[in-house]
Amino acid sequence: MIEQVLVETNLTELSTQSFVLVDSSLQVQAAIVLVRKEGGRWAWIGATAVSTGKVGTYDHFVTPLGVFPHTLDNPDFRAEGTFNKNHIRGYGVRGRRIFDFGWQVAERGWGDGGTSKMRLQMHATDPHVLEARLGRVASEGCIRIPASLNVFLDQHGILDADYEAALAAGHSQWMLRPGRTTIPWPGHYLVIVDSHAAVRPAWSPLPRW
């Protein structure tokens, strides 16, 4: 499915690089880390549960589908680890990275529908309350991921091709932590699809609660 989306987006002549693919299907709700090699061959690195947009409540969007570049035009930032009014750490504990994909047009999940712009981000969530619920729709439209994936993406530069290029050109990138072990093929793209899967795959089990 990811290959089809890339073709539709005219992204066929790509160097070897990594991708994060998110399937927002109600029966999947998972992120998959992949590497596209020369000749269009794909290597699966791993997968984990996520949560995408849950409609029906004000300011909750349907997570938009498509190919979203991870660029320096929308700089990432890090969670402060503070609690909201519900005593929830919405971005996870202090230091977790928020991957920012900018303002995107998305379907409103409340009222009479229609579309508006929302800020598309991929980020960790509260480790004590919300992380155990990953695998079901739950967010306001962003992609909630487990802390383990957040650290993996951050430590290994899975989507940091532009950040690494800027650093190599002599431009300081405070977001990139020292001591990271970047993979040889950092990528540029988050790809979000809806497979409309009728049956939940065994590798994407329902959350504990």
Protein backbone atom coordinates (compact mmCIF):
# COMPACT_ATOMS: atom_id res chain seq x y z
CA MET A 1 0.00 0.00 0.00
CA ILE A 2 2.81 2.45 0.78
CA GLU A 3 4.30 1.94 -2.68
CA GLN A 4 0.96 2.85 -4.27
CA VAL A 5 0.73 6.03 -2.19
CA LEU A 6 4.25 7.05 -3.17
CA VAL A 7 3.45 6.51 -6.85
CA GLU A 8 0.29 8.62 -6.53
CA THR A 9 2.41 11.35 -4.92
CA ASN A 10 5.06 11.14 -7.67
CA LEU A 11 7.69 9.95 -5.21
CA THR A 12 9.12 7.04 -7.16
CA GLU A 13 12.74 8.10 -7.72
CA LEU A 14 13.87 7.88 -4.12
CA SER A 15 17.20 6.99 -2.58
CA THR A 16 17.39 4.24 0.01
CA GLN A 17 15.70 5.67 3.09
CA SER A 18 13.47 4.88 6.05
CA PHE A 19 9.77 5.62 6.41
CA VAL A 20 7.17 5.59 9.13
CA LEU A 21 3.89 4.15 7.85
CA VAL A 22 0.77 4.61 9.98
CA ASP A 23 -2.37 2.60 9.29
CA SER A 24 -5.30 4.50 10.79
CA SER A 25 -7.77 1.68 10.15
CA LEU A 26 -9.93 0.95 13.21
CA GLN A 27 -8.77 -2.65 12.96
CA VAL A 28 -5.05 -1.83 12.86
CA GLN A 29 -4.05 1.46 14.56
CA ALA A 30 -0.34 0.80 14.16
CA ALA A 31 2.90 2.41 13.03
CA ILE A 32 5.36 0.44 10.93
CA VAL A 33 8.99 1.42 10.43
CA LEU A 34 10.27 0.46 6.98
CA VAL A 35 13.31 0.93 4.79
CA ARG A 36 12.89 1.29 1.03
CA LYS A 37 15.96 -0.08 -0.71
CA GLU A 38 17.23 0.26 -4.25
CA GLY A 39 14.96 -1.30 -6.82
CA GLY A 40 11.87 -0.67 -4.71
CA ARG A 41 12.53 -3.49 -2.25
CA TRP A 42 11.19 -2.99 1.28
CA ALA A 43 12.59 -4.10 4.63
CA TRP A 44 10.36 -4.24 7.70
CA ILE A 45 12.08 -2.99 10.89
CA GLY A 46 9.15 -3.24 13.31
CA ALA A 47 5.64 -2.20 14.25
CA THR A 48 3.80 -0.97 17.31
CA ALA A 49 0.37 0.24 18.38
CA VAL A 50 -0.65 3.89 17.99
CA SER A 51 -3.77 5.98 18.38
CA THR A 52 -5.16 8.30 15.70
CA GLY A 53 -8.09 10.73 15.67
CA LYS A 54 -11.29 9.86 17.52
CA VAL A 55 -14.26 11.75 16.14
CA GLY A 56 -17.42 12.87 17.89
CA THR A 57 -15.98 15.47 20.25
CA TYR A 58 -15.28 19.15 19.62
CA ASP A 59 -11.83 19.87 18.18
CA HIS A 60 -11.22 16.22 17.30
CA PHE A 61 -10.21 15.57 13.69
CA VAL A 62 -10.00 12.56 11.45
CA THR A 63 -6.27 12.00 11.09
CA PRO A 64 -5.45 13.08 7.52
CA LEU A 65 -4.14 10.55 5.00
CA GLY A 66 -1.20 11.12 2.69
CA VAL A 67 2.55 11.64 2.57
CA PHE A 68 3.89 14.22 4.99
CA PRO A 69 7.51 15.43 4.73
CA HIS A 70 9.47 15.88 7.95
CA THR A 71 11.34 19.11 7.27
CA LEU A 72 13.03 22.00 9.02
CA ASP A 73 10.13 24.23 7.95
CA ASN A 74 8.21 22.85 10.94
CA PRO A 75 10.84 22.37 13.64
CA ASP A 76 10.34 19.63 16.19
CA PHE A 77 10.38 20.40 19.90
CA ARG A 78 10.53 18.46 23.15
CA ALA A 79 7.92 17.80 25.80
CA GLU A 80 8.12 19.71 29.05
CA GLY A 81 6.43 16.86 30.90
CA THR A 82 3.80 19.11 32.45
CA PHE A 83 0.29 17.97 33.38
CA ASN A 84 -2.91 19.33 31.87
CA LYS A 85 -6.11 20.03 33.80
CA ASN A 86 -6.91 16.30 33.76
CA HIS A 87 -3.50 15.49 35.27
CA ILE A 88 -2.36 13.97 31.99
CA ARG A 89 1.00 14.48 30.33
CA GLY A 90 -0.30 14.96 26.81
CA TYR A 91 3.15 14.80 25.19
CA GLY A 92 4.59 12.25 27.60
CA VAL A 93 7.42 12.77 30.06
CA ARG A 94 9.94 15.60 29.85
CA GLY A 95 12.31 15.36 26.92
CA ARG A 96 10.19 13.22 24.61
CA ARG A 97 10.37 14.50 21.06
CA ILE A 98 7.36 15.94 19.23
CA PHE A 99 7.67 15.28 15.50
CA ASP A 100 5.95 18.18 13.74
CA PHE A 101 4.50 17.94 10.23
CA GLY A 102 2.92 21.38 10.10
CA TRP A 103 -0.62 22.59 9.45
CA GLN A 104 -2.69 20.12 7.45
CA VAL A 105 -6.25 20.16 6.17
CA ALA A 106 -8.29 17.52 7.98
CA GLU A 107 -11.89 16.46 8.32
CA ARG A 108 -13.63 17.83 11.39
CA GLY A 109 -15.02 15.05 13.56
CA TRP A 110 -17.75 17.09 15.20
CA GLY A 111 -20.75 19.21 14.27
CA ASP A 112 -21.62 19.26 10.58
CA GLY A 113 -18.20 18.04 9.50
CA GLY A 114 -16.33 19.85 6.79
CA THR A 115 -12.60 20.53 6.90
CA SER A 116 -10.26 22.79 8.81
CA LYS A 117 -6.55 23.02 9.43
CA MET A 118 -5.01 21.07 12.30
CA ARG A 119 -1.42 20.76 13.47
CA LEU A 120 -0.26 17.26 12.56
CA GLN A 121 2.18 15.88 15.10
CA MET A 122 3.48 12.46 16.13
CA HIS A 123 4.31 12.26 19.82
CA ALA A 124 4.44 10.14 22.95
CA THR A 125 1.64 10.23 25.50
CA ASP A 126 1.08 9.86 29.21
CA PRO A 127 2.93 6.68 30.27
CA HIS A 128 0.69 5.91 33.23
CA VAL A 129 -2.76 6.64 31.83
CA LEU A 130 -2.89 6.74 28.03
CA GLU A 131 -0.03 4.61 26.70
CA ALA A 132 -1.79 1.38 27.70
CA ARG A 133 -4.73 2.42 25.50
CA LEU A 134 -2.71 2.70 22.29
CA GLY A 135 -4.22 0.54 19.58
CA ARG A 136 -7.61 2.30 19.63
CA VAL A 137 -8.60 5.67 18.17
CA ALA A 138 -8.20 8.26 20.91
CA SER A 139 -6.38 11.42 19.81
CA GLU A 140 -7.56 14.81 18.59
CA GLY A 141 -6.10 13.98 15.18
CA CYS A 142 -2.41 13.62 15.93
CA ILE A 143 -0.60 10.29 16.11
CA ARG A 144 0.10 9.08 19.61
CA ILE A 145 2.97 6.62 19.85
CA PRO A 146 4.56 4.68 22.71
CA ALA A 147 7.63 6.06 24.43
CA SER A 148 9.70 3.17 23.07
CA LEU A 149 9.00 4.19 19.46
CA ASN A 150 9.54 7.86 20.27
CA VAL A 151 12.99 7.09 21.66
CA PHE A 152 13.80 4.75 18.74
CA LEU A 153 12.91 7.35 16.11
CA ASP A 154 14.82 10.03 18.01
CA GLN A 155 17.93 7.99 18.78
CA HIS A 156 18.34 6.49 15.32
CA GLY A 157 17.25 9.47 13.19
CA ILE A 158 14.62 7.49 11.31
CA LEU A 159 12.99 10.63 9.85
CA ASP A 160 15.91 13.03 10.32
CA ALA A 161 17.36 13.23 6.80
CA ASP A 162 16.86 17.00 6.61
CA TYR A 163 18.15 17.57 10.16
CA GLU A 164 21.26 15.50 9.49
CA ALA A 165 21.91 17.29 6.19
CA ALA A 166 21.67 20.67 7.91
CA LEU A 167 24.03 19.53 10.64
CA ALA A 168 26.53 18.24 8.07
CA ALA A 169 26.39 21.64 6.37
CA GLY A 170 27.49 23.30 9.58
CA HIS A 171 24.13 24.45 10.90
CA SER A 172 23.60 23.72 14.58
CA GLN A 173 20.58 21.50 15.31
CA TRP A 174 19.79 21.61 19.01
CA MET A 175 17.05 19.02 18.53
CA LEU A 176 19.57 16.29 17.71
CA ARG A 177 20.93 14.81 20.88
CA PRO A 178 24.60 13.90 21.25
CA GLY A 179 25.38 10.20 21.40
CA ARG A 180 22.69 9.18 18.94
CA THR A 181 23.33 6.26 16.59
CA THR A 182 21.79 7.38 13.32
CA ILE A 183 20.94 4.71 10.78
CA PRO A 184 22.69 4.91 7.39
CA TRP A 185 19.40 5.70 5.61
CA PRO A 186 17.50 8.44 7.47
CA GLY A 187 14.26 9.35 5.75
CA HIS A 188 11.98 12.27 5.02
CA TYR A 189 8.41 10.97 5.11
CA LEU A 190 5.55 9.97 7.37
CA VAL A 191 2.94 8.10 5.33
CA ILE A 192 -0.59 7.73 6.70
CA VAL A 193 -3.03 5.29 5.10
CA ASP A 194 -6.30 3.60 5.94
CA SER A 195 -6.22 -0.03 4.85
CA HIS A 196 -9.90 -0.52 5.81
CA ALA A 197 -8.85 -3.88 7.20
CA ALA A 198 -11.86 -6.06 8.04
CA VAL A 199 -9.98 -8.22 10.54
CA ARG A 200 -7.42 -7.12 13.12
CA PRO A 201 -3.99 -8.55 12.28
CA ALA A 202 -2.30 -10.72 14.89
CA TRP A 203 0.69 -8.35 15.07
CA SER A 204 -1.58 -5.45 16.13
CA PRO A 205 -3.46 -6.74 19.21
CA LEU A 206 -6.06 -4.70 21.05
CA PRO A 207 -4.78 -2.69 24.02
CA ARG A 208 -5.03 -4.03 27.54
CA TRP A 209 -7.90 -1.66 28.36
